[in-house]
C-alpha cells in the first residue's frame, strides 16, 4: 500500500502502522524533504507509482483534483484507490480514476488529531473485502467498521457542528461569569472528551448522572 499525503491524518496513519508493524511505510508527498526526515517513512517518487495496486489517499479534499489530474495516468489500470477525504464521494472519485482503476471509500469516523494522539476513531468501509485488506496491511492498527460513506459524512458533520456549538456556548457563559481564560481553556480541553468517553462506557460521574436524571425528569414531565 502506498500512502499519498502527509497531513494530520496521513501522519496519524503512518505513526500507528509503523509502530504496529515495526516497519517503515511507503509515502508520496509533494514535499520530499519532510518524508525523508521521518524515519517511519520511505519516500516513493511518481516514477514508481506503477509498482502499487493499492493506494491510500489521505490528501485534503481540495487537493484531489490536482493530484489525480497530474498523476492518475502514472498508476496501473488495476489500481484501487482507498480515499479518505470525508467530503469526497464516490461519484466525484469516479471522475478522477482512469480506465479500469477503481476507488473505495475509507473514511475516518472521528477526528484525525485524536486518532494520531489516542488511536480513537474508526475507519469505515462499504465492503468487507476492502476492510479486510486494510486490516491486513495495517496489521489491525485501527478500529474498522462497515458503513455507508454518506453516513460517515453525516456523522462527522453533525458531531462537529454540535460539539463546536457547545464549546462556544461554554466559552460565552463562563466569560460572562468572569471565569479566567486559562480555566476556560482547561475545561474545554478536558471535559468534552471525558464526557464522551464516559457516555460510551456507561461510567458517568455523579455530577453528570445528576444532570442526566434532571433532563430525563424534564422530558418525562413534558
Protein backbone atom coordinates (compact mmCIF):
# COMPACT_ATOMS: atom_id res chain seq x y z
CA UNK A 1 0.00 0.00 0.00
CA UNK A 2 1.26 3.45 -0.92
CA UNK A 3 0.14 6.46 1.13
CA UNK A 4 -0.45 9.74 -0.69
CA UNK A 5 -0.16 12.78 1.59
CA UNK A 6 1.45 13.77 4.87
CA UNK A 7 -1.12 15.92 6.66
CA UNK A 8 -2.61 15.26 10.10
CA UNK A 9 -4.46 12.12 9.01
CA UNK A 10 -1.52 10.88 6.99
CA UNK A 11 0.85 11.24 9.92
CA UNK A 12 -1.63 9.52 12.21
CA UNK A 13 -1.86 6.52 9.88
CA UNK A 14 1.89 6.38 9.31
CA UNK A 15 2.76 6.52 13.00
CA UNK A 16 0.32 3.82 14.02
CA UNK A 17 1.03 1.45 11.15
CA UNK A 18 4.79 1.79 11.59
CA UNK A 19 4.53 1.25 15.35
CA UNK A 20 2.27 -1.78 14.88
CA UNK A 21 4.24 -3.47 12.10
CA UNK A 22 7.73 -2.37 13.12
CA UNK A 23 8.39 -1.31 9.53
CA UNK A 24 8.56 1.95 7.63
CA UNK A 25 5.66 2.98 5.37
CA UNK A 26 5.78 3.89 1.67
CA UNK A 27 4.68 7.51 1.22
CA UNK A 28 4.46 10.12 -1.53
CA UNK A 29 4.20 13.78 -0.63
CA UNK A 30 4.71 16.85 -2.78
CA UNK A 31 7.49 17.98 -0.43
CA UNK A 32 10.01 15.14 -0.36
CA UNK A 33 12.16 16.62 2.43
CA UNK A 34 9.51 16.08 5.14
CA UNK A 35 9.23 12.41 4.18
CA UNK A 36 12.99 11.96 4.12
CA UNK A 37 13.17 13.45 7.62
CA UNK A 38 10.66 10.94 9.04
CA UNK A 39 12.22 7.55 9.90
CA UNK A 40 8.77 5.94 9.73
CA UNK A 41 8.56 6.73 6.00
CA UNK A 42 10.05 5.60 2.70
CA UNK A 43 9.68 8.29 0.04
CA UNK A 44 8.21 6.96 -3.22
CA UNK A 45 8.64 9.16 -6.31
CA UNK A 46 5.98 9.36 -9.05
CA UNK A 47 8.04 7.25 -11.42
CA UNK A 48 7.48 4.30 -9.07
CA UNK A 49 3.70 4.69 -8.72
CA UNK A 50 3.17 1.82 -11.16
CA UNK A 51 4.58 -0.60 -8.55
CA UNK A 52 1.43 -0.25 -6.40
CA UNK A 53 -2.07 -1.63 -6.92
CA UNK A 54 -3.44 -0.31 -3.61
CA UNK A 55 -3.13 3.36 -2.74
CA UNK A 56 -4.37 5.16 0.38
CA UNK A 57 -5.19 8.80 -0.43
CA UNK A 58 -5.06 10.98 2.70
CA UNK A 59 -4.98 14.34 0.92
CA UNK A 60 -7.37 17.15 1.90
CA UNK A 61 -10.42 17.28 -0.36
CA UNK A 62 -9.32 20.40 -2.32
CA UNK A 63 -6.10 18.65 -3.37
CA UNK A 64 -7.74 15.63 -5.04
CA UNK A 65 -8.44 17.16 -8.43
CA UNK A 66 -4.91 18.42 -8.95
CA UNK A 67 -3.29 15.19 -7.78
CA UNK A 68 -5.36 12.91 -9.99
CA UNK A 69 -5.15 15.26 -12.96
CA UNK A 70 -1.37 15.10 -12.75
CA UNK A 71 -0.73 11.53 -11.66
CA UNK A 72 -3.69 9.16 -12.21
CA UNK A 73 -2.15 8.07 -15.51
CA UNK A 74 1.05 7.03 -13.71
CA UNK A 75 -0.74 4.24 -11.84
CA UNK A 76 -1.59 0.80 -13.21
CA UNK A 77 -5.03 0.09 -14.64
CA UNK A 78 -5.80 -2.34 -11.80
CA UNK A 79 -5.01 0.17 -9.04
CA UNK A 80 -7.57 0.58 -6.27
CA UNK A 81 -7.58 3.97 -4.52
CA UNK A 82 -8.73 3.98 -0.89
CA UNK A 83 -9.91 7.57 -0.49
CA UNK A 84 -10.24 9.17 2.95
CA UNK A 85 -11.47 12.77 2.50
CA UNK A 86 -14.88 12.92 4.17
CA UNK A 87 -16.37 15.28 1.58
CA UNK A 88 -15.16 13.34 -1.47
CA UNK A 89 -17.89 10.91 -2.53
CA UNK A 90 -17.82 8.01 -4.98
CA UNK A 91 -19.40 9.97 -7.85
CA UNK A 92 -16.61 12.54 -7.67
CA UNK A 93 -13.90 9.89 -7.33
CA UNK A 94 -15.17 8.17 -10.46
CA UNK A 95 -14.33 11.34 -12.40
CA UNK A 96 -10.70 11.14 -11.22
CA UNK A 97 -9.75 7.50 -11.78
CA UNK A 98 -8.67 6.31 -15.20
CA UNK A 99 -9.73 3.36 -17.35
CA UNK A 100 -10.09 0.24 -15.16
CA UNK A 101 -8.82 1.86 -11.95
CA UNK A 102 -11.24 1.66 -9.02
CA UNK A 103 -11.95 3.62 -5.86
CA UNK A 104 -13.28 2.60 -2.46
CA UNK A 105 -14.22 4.83 0.48
CA UNK A 106 -12.01 4.56 3.56
CA UNK A 107 -13.49 7.27 5.76
CA UNK A 108 -12.47 8.10 9.31
CA UNK A 109 -15.46 8.35 11.63
CA UNK A 110 -13.77 10.64 14.09
CA UNK A 111 -11.10 13.34 14.33
CA UNK A 112 -7.65 12.93 12.74
CA UNK A 113 -5.78 14.55 15.65
CA UNK A 114 -7.46 12.27 18.20
CA UNK A 115 -6.61 9.28 16.02
CA UNK A 116 -2.98 10.41 15.98
CA UNK A 117 -2.73 11.03 19.72
CA UNK A 118 -5.03 8.39 21.19
CA UNK A 119 -5.84 5.97 18.40
CA UNK A 120 -9.56 6.64 18.79
CA UNK A 121 -11.95 6.66 15.85
CA UNK A 122 -12.79 4.05 13.21
CA UNK A 123 -12.13 3.71 9.50
CA UNK A 124 -15.33 2.89 7.65
CA UNK A 125 -15.66 0.71 4.55
CA UNK A 126 -18.67 -0.24 2.46
CA UNK A 127 -17.42 -3.74 1.63
CA UNK A 128 -15.93 -6.42 3.88
CA UNK A 129 -13.25 -7.36 1.34
CA UNK A 130 -11.77 -3.86 1.37
CA UNK A 131 -12.00 -3.65 5.15
CA UNK A 132 -10.03 -6.89 5.48
CA UNK A 133 -7.40 -5.68 3.00
CA UNK A 134 -6.90 -2.53 5.06
CA UNK A 135 -6.75 -4.54 8.30
CA UNK A 136 -4.13 -6.87 6.88
CA UNK A 137 -1.99 -4.01 5.58
CA UNK A 138 -2.18 -2.08 8.88
CA UNK A 139 -1.84 -5.25 10.99
CA UNK A 140 -5.00 -4.31 12.88
CA UNK A 141 -3.65 -0.91 13.97
CA UNK A 142 -7.11 0.71 13.72
CA UNK A 143 -10.73 0.07 14.54
CA UNK A 144 -12.64 -0.64 11.33
CA UNK A 145 -16.38 -0.82 10.62
CA UNK A 146 -18.80 -1.33 7.75
CA UNK A 147 -20.94 1.73 6.98
CA UNK A 148 -22.07 3.85 4.04
CA UNK A 149 -19.86 6.81 3.21
CA UNK A 150 -22.79 9.25 3.38
CA UNK A 151 -23.49 8.07 6.94
CA UNK A 152 -19.88 8.86 7.90
CA UNK A 153 -20.25 12.29 6.30
CA UNK A 154 -23.44 12.99 8.24
CA UNK A 155 -21.99 11.66 11.49
CA UNK A 156 -18.86 13.78 11.24
CA UNK A 157 -20.83 16.87 10.18
CA UNK A 158 -23.40 16.69 12.97
CA UNK A 159 -20.85 15.81 15.66
CA UNK A 160 -18.53 18.63 14.59
CA UNK A 161 -21.29 21.22 14.43
CA UNK A 162 -22.91 20.31 17.74
CA UNK A 163 -19.65 19.99 19.68
CA UNK A 164 -18.40 23.30 18.29
CA UNK A 165 -21.70 24.93 19.21
CA UNK A 166 -21.41 23.55 22.75
CA UNK A 167 -17.81 24.74 23.15
CA UNK A 168 -18.68 28.26 22.02
CA UNK A 169 -21.66 28.33 24.39
CA UNK A 170 -19.44 27.24 27.30
CA UNK A 171 -16.89 29.93 26.47
CA UNK A 172 -19.54 32.63 26.29
CA UNK A 173 -21.25 31.68 29.56
CA UNK A 174 -18.00 31.34 31.51
CA UNK A 175 -16.67 34.66 30.20
CA UNK A 176 -19.88 36.28 31.39
CA UNK A 177 -19.26 34.74 34.82
CA UNK A 178 -15.77 36.22 34.90
CA UNK A 179 -14.00 32.86 34.71
CA UNK A 180 -10.34 33.27 33.65
CA UNK A 181 -9.39 32.37 30.07
CA UNK A 182 -6.85 29.79 31.23
CA UNK A 183 -9.53 27.92 33.19
CA UNK A 184 -11.98 28.07 30.29
CA UNK A 185 -9.33 26.55 28.01
CA UNK A 186 -8.63 23.78 30.52
CA UNK A 187 -12.32 22.94 30.92
CA UNK A 188 -12.92 22.86 27.15
CA UNK A 189 -9.82 20.75 26.55
CA UNK A 190 -10.70 18.09 29.12
CA UNK A 191 -14.39 17.81 29.86
CA UNK A 192 -15.96 17.21 26.39
CA UNK A 193 -13.68 14.25 25.64
CA UNK A 194 -14.10 12.87 29.15
CA UNK A 195 -17.87 13.08 28.97
CA UNK A 196 -17.91 11.36 25.57
CA UNK A 197 -15.69 8.55 26.87
CA UNK A 198 -17.80 8.07 29.98
CA UNK A 199 -21.02 8.17 27.97
CA UNK A 200 -19.79 5.42 25.63
CA UNK A 201 -18.61 3.31 28.57
CA UNK A 202 -21.58 3.97 30.84
CA UNK A 203 -19.29 5.39 33.54
CA UNK A 204 -20.62 8.92 34.09
CA UNK A 205 -19.62 10.51 37.38
CA UNK A 206 -22.09 11.74 39.97
CA UNK A 207 -22.23 15.26 38.55
CA UNK A 208 -23.10 14.06 35.05
CA UNK A 209 -25.53 11.45 36.37
CA UNK A 210 -27.46 14.13 38.25
CA UNK A 211 -27.70 16.25 35.10
CA UNK A 212 -28.90 13.26 33.07
CA UNK A 213 -31.56 12.45 35.66
CA UNK A 214 -32.74 16.05 35.65
CA UNK A 215 -33.05 16.09 31.85
CA UNK A 216 -34.86 12.74 31.86
CA UNK A 217 -37.22 14.10 34.50
CA UNK A 218 -37.85 17.22 32.43
CA UNK A 219 -38.62 15.07 29.37
CA UNK A 220 -40.99 12.93 31.40
CA UNK A 221 -42.75 15.96 32.83
CA UNK A 222 -43.20 17.33 29.30
